[in-house]
N, C-alpha and C. Protein backbone atom coordinates (compact mmCIF):
# COMPACT_ATOMS: atom_id res chain seq x y z
N UNK A 1 -131.42 2.57 -34.56
CA UNK A 1 -130.33 2.82 -35.49
C UNK A 1 -128.99 2.44 -34.83
N UNK A 2 -128.15 1.81 -35.61
CA UNK A 2 -126.85 1.46 -35.06
C UNK A 2 -125.93 2.68 -35.10
N UNK A 3 -124.96 2.69 -34.21
CA UNK A 3 -124.03 3.82 -34.13
C UNK A 3 -123.14 3.91 -35.35
N UNK A 4 -122.70 2.77 -35.86
CA UNK A 4 -121.85 2.72 -37.05
C UNK A 4 -122.30 1.54 -37.90
N UNK A 5 -121.99 1.60 -39.20
CA UNK A 5 -122.34 0.49 -40.08
C UNK A 5 -121.12 0.06 -40.87
N UNK A 6 -121.16 -1.17 -41.34
CA UNK A 6 -120.10 -1.78 -42.12
C UNK A 6 -120.70 -2.17 -43.46
N UNK A 7 -120.14 -1.67 -44.56
CA UNK A 7 -120.68 -2.00 -45.88
C UNK A 7 -120.39 -3.46 -46.22
N UNK A 8 -121.12 -3.97 -47.20
CA UNK A 8 -120.92 -5.36 -47.63
C UNK A 8 -119.51 -5.57 -48.19
N UNK A 9 -118.98 -4.58 -48.92
CA UNK A 9 -117.63 -4.74 -49.48
C UNK A 9 -116.58 -4.73 -48.37
N UNK A 10 -116.78 -3.91 -47.34
CA UNK A 10 -115.85 -3.91 -46.21
C UNK A 10 -115.93 -5.23 -45.45
N UNK A 11 -117.15 -5.73 -45.26
CA UNK A 11 -117.33 -7.01 -44.56
C UNK A 11 -116.62 -8.13 -45.31
N UNK A 12 -116.75 -8.15 -46.63
CA UNK A 12 -116.11 -9.20 -47.43
C UNK A 12 -114.58 -9.11 -47.30
N UNK A 13 -114.05 -7.89 -47.30
CA UNK A 13 -112.60 -7.71 -47.18
C UNK A 13 -112.10 -8.16 -45.81
N UNK A 14 -112.83 -7.78 -44.75
CA UNK A 14 -112.44 -8.20 -43.39
C UNK A 14 -112.46 -9.71 -43.29
N UNK A 15 -113.50 -10.34 -43.84
CA UNK A 15 -113.61 -11.80 -43.79
C UNK A 15 -112.41 -12.46 -44.48
N UNK A 16 -112.00 -11.92 -45.62
CA UNK A 16 -110.87 -12.48 -46.36
C UNK A 16 -109.57 -12.33 -45.57
N UNK A 17 -109.35 -11.14 -44.99
CA UNK A 17 -108.13 -10.90 -44.21
C UNK A 17 -108.11 -11.80 -42.97
N UNK A 18 -109.24 -11.88 -42.29
CA UNK A 18 -109.33 -12.68 -41.06
C UNK A 18 -109.06 -14.15 -41.36
N UNK A 19 -109.59 -14.63 -42.49
CA UNK A 19 -109.37 -16.03 -42.86
C UNK A 19 -107.90 -16.31 -43.11
N UNK A 20 -107.22 -15.39 -43.82
CA UNK A 20 -105.79 -15.55 -44.10
C UNK A 20 -104.97 -15.57 -42.82
N UNK A 21 -105.38 -14.75 -41.85
CA UNK A 21 -104.61 -14.65 -40.60
C UNK A 21 -105.15 -15.59 -39.52
N UNK A 22 -106.14 -16.40 -39.85
CA UNK A 22 -106.75 -17.34 -38.90
C UNK A 22 -107.21 -16.63 -37.63
N UNK A 23 -107.88 -15.49 -37.81
CA UNK A 23 -108.41 -14.71 -36.69
C UNK A 23 -109.92 -14.59 -36.85
N UNK A 24 -110.60 -14.19 -35.78
CA UNK A 24 -112.04 -13.96 -35.92
C UNK A 24 -112.29 -12.76 -36.84
N UNK A 25 -113.43 -12.75 -37.52
CA UNK A 25 -113.77 -11.67 -38.45
C UNK A 25 -114.34 -10.48 -37.67
N UNK A 26 -113.46 -9.82 -36.91
CA UNK A 26 -113.84 -8.67 -36.10
C UNK A 26 -112.90 -7.52 -36.46
N UNK A 27 -113.47 -6.44 -36.98
CA UNK A 27 -112.69 -5.25 -37.33
C UNK A 27 -112.88 -4.20 -36.24
N UNK A 28 -111.77 -3.72 -35.69
CA UNK A 28 -111.85 -2.65 -34.68
C UNK A 28 -111.50 -1.32 -35.35
N UNK A 29 -112.40 -0.36 -35.19
CA UNK A 29 -112.17 1.01 -35.64
C UNK A 29 -111.94 1.85 -34.40
N UNK A 30 -110.85 2.59 -34.38
CA UNK A 30 -110.61 3.51 -33.27
C UNK A 30 -110.17 4.84 -33.83
N UNK A 31 -110.27 5.87 -33.01
CA UNK A 31 -109.88 7.21 -33.40
C UNK A 31 -108.77 7.66 -32.48
N UNK A 32 -107.71 8.21 -33.07
CA UNK A 32 -106.58 8.71 -32.29
C UNK A 32 -106.34 10.16 -32.65
N UNK A 33 -105.76 10.91 -31.74
CA UNK A 33 -105.33 12.26 -32.05
C UNK A 33 -104.17 12.20 -33.02
N UNK A 34 -104.11 13.18 -33.93
CA UNK A 34 -103.00 13.20 -34.88
C UNK A 34 -103.51 13.30 -36.30
N UNK A 35 -102.66 13.01 -37.24
CA UNK A 35 -103.04 13.14 -38.64
C UNK A 35 -103.01 14.60 -39.05
N UNK A 36 -103.28 14.85 -40.32
CA UNK A 36 -103.18 16.23 -40.81
C UNK A 36 -104.40 17.07 -40.45
N UNK A 37 -105.49 16.47 -39.97
CA UNK A 37 -106.69 17.25 -39.66
C UNK A 37 -107.10 17.20 -38.19
N UNK A 38 -106.32 16.56 -37.33
CA UNK A 38 -106.63 16.57 -35.90
C UNK A 38 -106.91 15.20 -35.31
N UNK A 39 -107.67 14.36 -36.05
CA UNK A 39 -107.95 12.99 -35.61
C UNK A 39 -107.63 12.06 -36.77
N UNK A 40 -107.29 10.82 -36.46
CA UNK A 40 -107.11 9.85 -37.54
C UNK A 40 -107.74 8.52 -37.17
N UNK A 41 -108.20 7.82 -38.20
CA UNK A 41 -108.83 6.51 -38.02
C UNK A 41 -107.75 5.43 -37.96
N UNK A 42 -107.97 4.44 -37.11
CA UNK A 42 -107.10 3.28 -37.04
C UNK A 42 -107.97 2.03 -37.19
N UNK A 43 -107.50 1.09 -38.00
CA UNK A 43 -108.20 -0.17 -38.21
C UNK A 43 -107.30 -1.32 -37.81
N UNK A 44 -107.88 -2.38 -37.30
CA UNK A 44 -107.12 -3.58 -36.99
C UNK A 44 -108.07 -4.72 -36.69
N UNK A 45 -107.61 -5.93 -36.89
CA UNK A 45 -108.41 -7.09 -36.51
C UNK A 45 -108.38 -7.21 -34.99
N UNK A 46 -109.52 -7.52 -34.41
CA UNK A 46 -109.61 -7.69 -32.95
C UNK A 46 -109.79 -9.16 -32.63
N UNK A 47 -109.28 -9.55 -31.47
CA UNK A 47 -109.44 -10.94 -31.04
C UNK A 47 -110.80 -11.17 -30.40
N UNK A 48 -111.42 -10.09 -29.95
CA UNK A 48 -112.72 -10.22 -29.30
C UNK A 48 -113.38 -8.88 -29.12
N UNK A 49 -114.54 -8.90 -28.49
CA UNK A 49 -115.33 -7.70 -28.27
C UNK A 49 -115.21 -7.31 -26.79
N UNK A 50 -114.95 -6.04 -26.53
CA UNK A 50 -114.86 -5.54 -25.16
C UNK A 50 -116.27 -5.18 -24.66
N UNK A 51 -116.44 -5.13 -23.36
CA UNK A 51 -117.76 -4.90 -22.76
C UNK A 51 -118.37 -3.56 -23.16
N UNK A 52 -117.52 -2.53 -23.36
CA UNK A 52 -118.07 -1.20 -23.66
C UNK A 52 -118.04 -0.86 -25.16
N UNK A 53 -117.78 -1.85 -26.02
CA UNK A 53 -117.75 -1.62 -27.46
C UNK A 53 -119.14 -1.40 -28.04
N UNK A 54 -119.22 -0.53 -29.04
CA UNK A 54 -120.41 -0.47 -29.89
C UNK A 54 -120.17 -1.48 -31.00
N UNK A 55 -121.21 -2.20 -31.38
CA UNK A 55 -121.06 -3.32 -32.30
C UNK A 55 -122.00 -3.17 -33.48
N UNK A 56 -121.50 -3.46 -34.68
CA UNK A 56 -122.33 -3.55 -35.89
C UNK A 56 -121.93 -4.83 -36.60
N UNK A 57 -122.91 -5.51 -37.18
CA UNK A 57 -122.61 -6.75 -37.89
C UNK A 57 -123.15 -6.69 -39.31
N UNK A 58 -122.35 -7.18 -40.26
CA UNK A 58 -122.74 -7.28 -41.66
C UNK A 58 -122.20 -8.59 -42.20
N UNK A 59 -123.08 -9.41 -42.75
CA UNK A 59 -122.67 -10.66 -43.41
C UNK A 59 -121.74 -11.51 -42.54
N UNK A 60 -122.01 -11.57 -41.24
CA UNK A 60 -121.22 -12.41 -40.35
C UNK A 60 -119.91 -11.78 -39.87
N UNK A 61 -119.65 -10.54 -40.27
CA UNK A 61 -118.45 -9.82 -39.85
C UNK A 61 -118.87 -8.76 -38.83
N UNK A 62 -118.07 -8.61 -37.79
CA UNK A 62 -118.38 -7.67 -36.71
C UNK A 62 -117.46 -6.46 -36.78
N UNK A 63 -118.06 -5.28 -36.66
CA UNK A 63 -117.31 -4.03 -36.53
C UNK A 63 -117.47 -3.57 -35.10
N UNK A 64 -116.36 -3.30 -34.40
CA UNK A 64 -116.43 -2.83 -33.02
C UNK A 64 -115.72 -1.48 -32.90
N UNK A 65 -116.30 -0.62 -32.06
CA UNK A 65 -115.74 0.71 -31.81
C UNK A 65 -115.76 0.93 -30.31
N UNK A 66 -114.62 1.37 -29.75
CA UNK A 66 -114.54 1.58 -28.30
C UNK A 66 -115.39 2.77 -27.86
N UNK A 67 -115.66 2.85 -26.57
CA UNK A 67 -116.57 3.84 -26.01
C UNK A 67 -116.09 5.27 -26.23
N UNK A 68 -114.79 5.51 -26.24
CA UNK A 68 -114.26 6.86 -26.44
C UNK A 68 -114.40 7.26 -27.91
N UNK A 69 -114.04 6.36 -28.81
CA UNK A 69 -114.05 6.67 -30.24
C UNK A 69 -115.46 6.81 -30.80
N UNK A 70 -116.45 6.12 -30.23
CA UNK A 70 -117.79 6.11 -30.82
C UNK A 70 -118.39 7.51 -30.91
N UNK A 71 -118.07 8.37 -29.94
CA UNK A 71 -118.61 9.73 -29.98
C UNK A 71 -118.12 10.50 -31.21
N UNK A 72 -116.96 10.14 -31.74
CA UNK A 72 -116.38 10.83 -32.89
C UNK A 72 -116.81 10.23 -34.22
N UNK A 73 -117.35 9.01 -34.20
CA UNK A 73 -117.72 8.35 -35.47
C UNK A 73 -119.18 7.93 -35.53
N UNK A 74 -119.99 8.34 -34.56
CA UNK A 74 -121.40 7.95 -34.54
C UNK A 74 -122.07 8.36 -35.86
N UNK A 75 -122.80 7.42 -36.46
CA UNK A 75 -123.48 7.69 -37.72
C UNK A 75 -122.64 7.39 -38.95
N UNK A 76 -121.42 6.92 -38.75
CA UNK A 76 -120.50 6.68 -39.86
C UNK A 76 -120.73 5.32 -40.52
N UNK A 77 -120.26 5.22 -41.75
CA UNK A 77 -120.20 3.93 -42.43
C UNK A 77 -118.75 3.63 -42.78
N UNK A 78 -118.34 2.39 -42.52
CA UNK A 78 -117.01 1.93 -42.93
C UNK A 78 -117.19 1.16 -44.23
N UNK A 79 -116.45 1.58 -45.25
CA UNK A 79 -116.54 0.97 -46.57
C UNK A 79 -115.15 0.52 -46.98
N UNK A 80 -115.08 -0.36 -47.98
CA UNK A 80 -113.79 -0.75 -48.55
C UNK A 80 -113.82 -0.32 -50.01
N UNK A 81 -112.88 0.53 -50.39
CA UNK A 81 -112.88 1.13 -51.72
C UNK A 81 -111.61 0.76 -52.45
N UNK A 82 -111.76 0.31 -53.69
CA UNK A 82 -110.61 0.03 -54.53
C UNK A 82 -110.58 1.05 -55.66
N UNK A 83 -109.44 1.70 -55.84
CA UNK A 83 -109.31 2.70 -56.89
C UNK A 83 -107.90 2.63 -57.47
N UNK A 84 -107.62 3.51 -58.41
CA UNK A 84 -106.27 3.54 -58.99
C UNK A 84 -105.22 3.84 -57.93
N UNK A 85 -105.60 4.61 -56.91
CA UNK A 85 -104.67 4.97 -55.86
C UNK A 85 -104.43 3.85 -54.87
N UNK A 86 -105.14 2.74 -55.00
CA UNK A 86 -104.97 1.62 -54.09
C UNK A 86 -106.30 1.23 -53.47
N UNK A 87 -106.24 0.32 -52.55
CA UNK A 87 -107.44 -0.17 -51.87
C UNK A 87 -107.33 0.16 -50.40
N UNK A 88 -108.44 0.60 -49.81
CA UNK A 88 -108.38 1.01 -48.40
C UNK A 88 -109.76 1.00 -47.78
N UNK A 89 -109.78 0.85 -46.45
CA UNK A 89 -111.02 1.06 -45.72
C UNK A 89 -111.23 2.57 -45.64
N UNK A 90 -112.47 3.00 -45.84
CA UNK A 90 -112.78 4.43 -45.80
C UNK A 90 -113.97 4.66 -44.89
N UNK A 91 -113.90 5.71 -44.08
CA UNK A 91 -114.98 6.05 -43.17
C UNK A 91 -115.73 7.25 -43.72
N UNK A 92 -117.04 7.09 -43.92
CA UNK A 92 -117.89 8.22 -44.28
C UNK A 92 -118.50 8.72 -42.98
N UNK A 93 -117.99 9.84 -42.49
CA UNK A 93 -118.34 10.34 -41.16
C UNK A 93 -119.13 11.64 -41.29
N UNK A 94 -120.44 11.61 -40.99
CA UNK A 94 -121.24 12.83 -41.10
C UNK A 94 -120.85 13.91 -40.09
N UNK A 95 -120.12 13.54 -39.05
CA UNK A 95 -119.70 14.51 -38.04
C UNK A 95 -118.45 15.28 -38.44
N UNK A 96 -117.71 14.76 -39.40
CA UNK A 96 -116.44 15.40 -39.77
C UNK A 96 -116.71 16.72 -40.48
N UNK A 97 -116.21 17.79 -39.91
CA UNK A 97 -116.38 19.11 -40.51
C UNK A 97 -115.41 19.30 -41.67
N UNK A 98 -114.28 18.67 -41.59
CA UNK A 98 -113.30 18.74 -42.67
C UNK A 98 -112.47 17.47 -42.65
N UNK A 99 -111.90 17.16 -43.78
CA UNK A 99 -111.06 15.98 -43.89
C UNK A 99 -109.77 16.36 -44.57
N UNK A 100 -109.07 15.36 -45.06
CA UNK A 100 -107.82 15.63 -45.76
C UNK A 100 -107.80 14.80 -47.02
N UNK A 101 -106.86 15.05 -47.86
CA UNK A 101 -106.76 14.34 -49.13
C UNK A 101 -106.53 12.86 -48.97
N UNK A 102 -105.86 12.46 -47.90
CA UNK A 102 -105.55 11.04 -47.74
C UNK A 102 -106.75 10.24 -47.24
N UNK A 103 -107.77 10.94 -46.70
CA UNK A 103 -108.98 10.26 -46.27
C UNK A 103 -108.86 9.51 -44.96
N UNK A 104 -107.72 9.62 -44.27
CA UNK A 104 -107.55 8.89 -43.02
C UNK A 104 -107.62 9.79 -41.79
N UNK A 105 -107.72 11.10 -41.99
CA UNK A 105 -107.84 11.97 -40.84
C UNK A 105 -108.97 12.97 -41.04
N UNK A 106 -109.44 13.55 -39.95
CA UNK A 106 -110.60 14.44 -40.03
C UNK A 106 -110.60 15.39 -38.86
N UNK A 107 -111.44 16.42 -38.94
CA UNK A 107 -111.64 17.38 -37.85
C UNK A 107 -113.12 17.50 -37.59
N UNK A 108 -113.46 17.86 -36.36
CA UNK A 108 -114.87 18.03 -35.99
C UNK A 108 -115.09 19.48 -35.58
């Protein structure tokens, strides 16, 4: 089992963004302290994969998570959701004991 997964809709969105920015289709997910629930997710395009990254691939797009963050998101899926409130990457994290309304922070 992979540590994290990337949905097909998230992979398609990353591929589109990477193509516009002429970067590799690599999405980095990291976890930082802060946010309204204690931790918050950060997303960004990465130029490459680090030696200690956990890696998941979907439809030619790579999701990478650093060694520190992986313990907080193991078992999660990264999805891309479009709704009336806007479009955003969303993490479904089975380890999160609580979250917040904005969906970008969580507590364990």
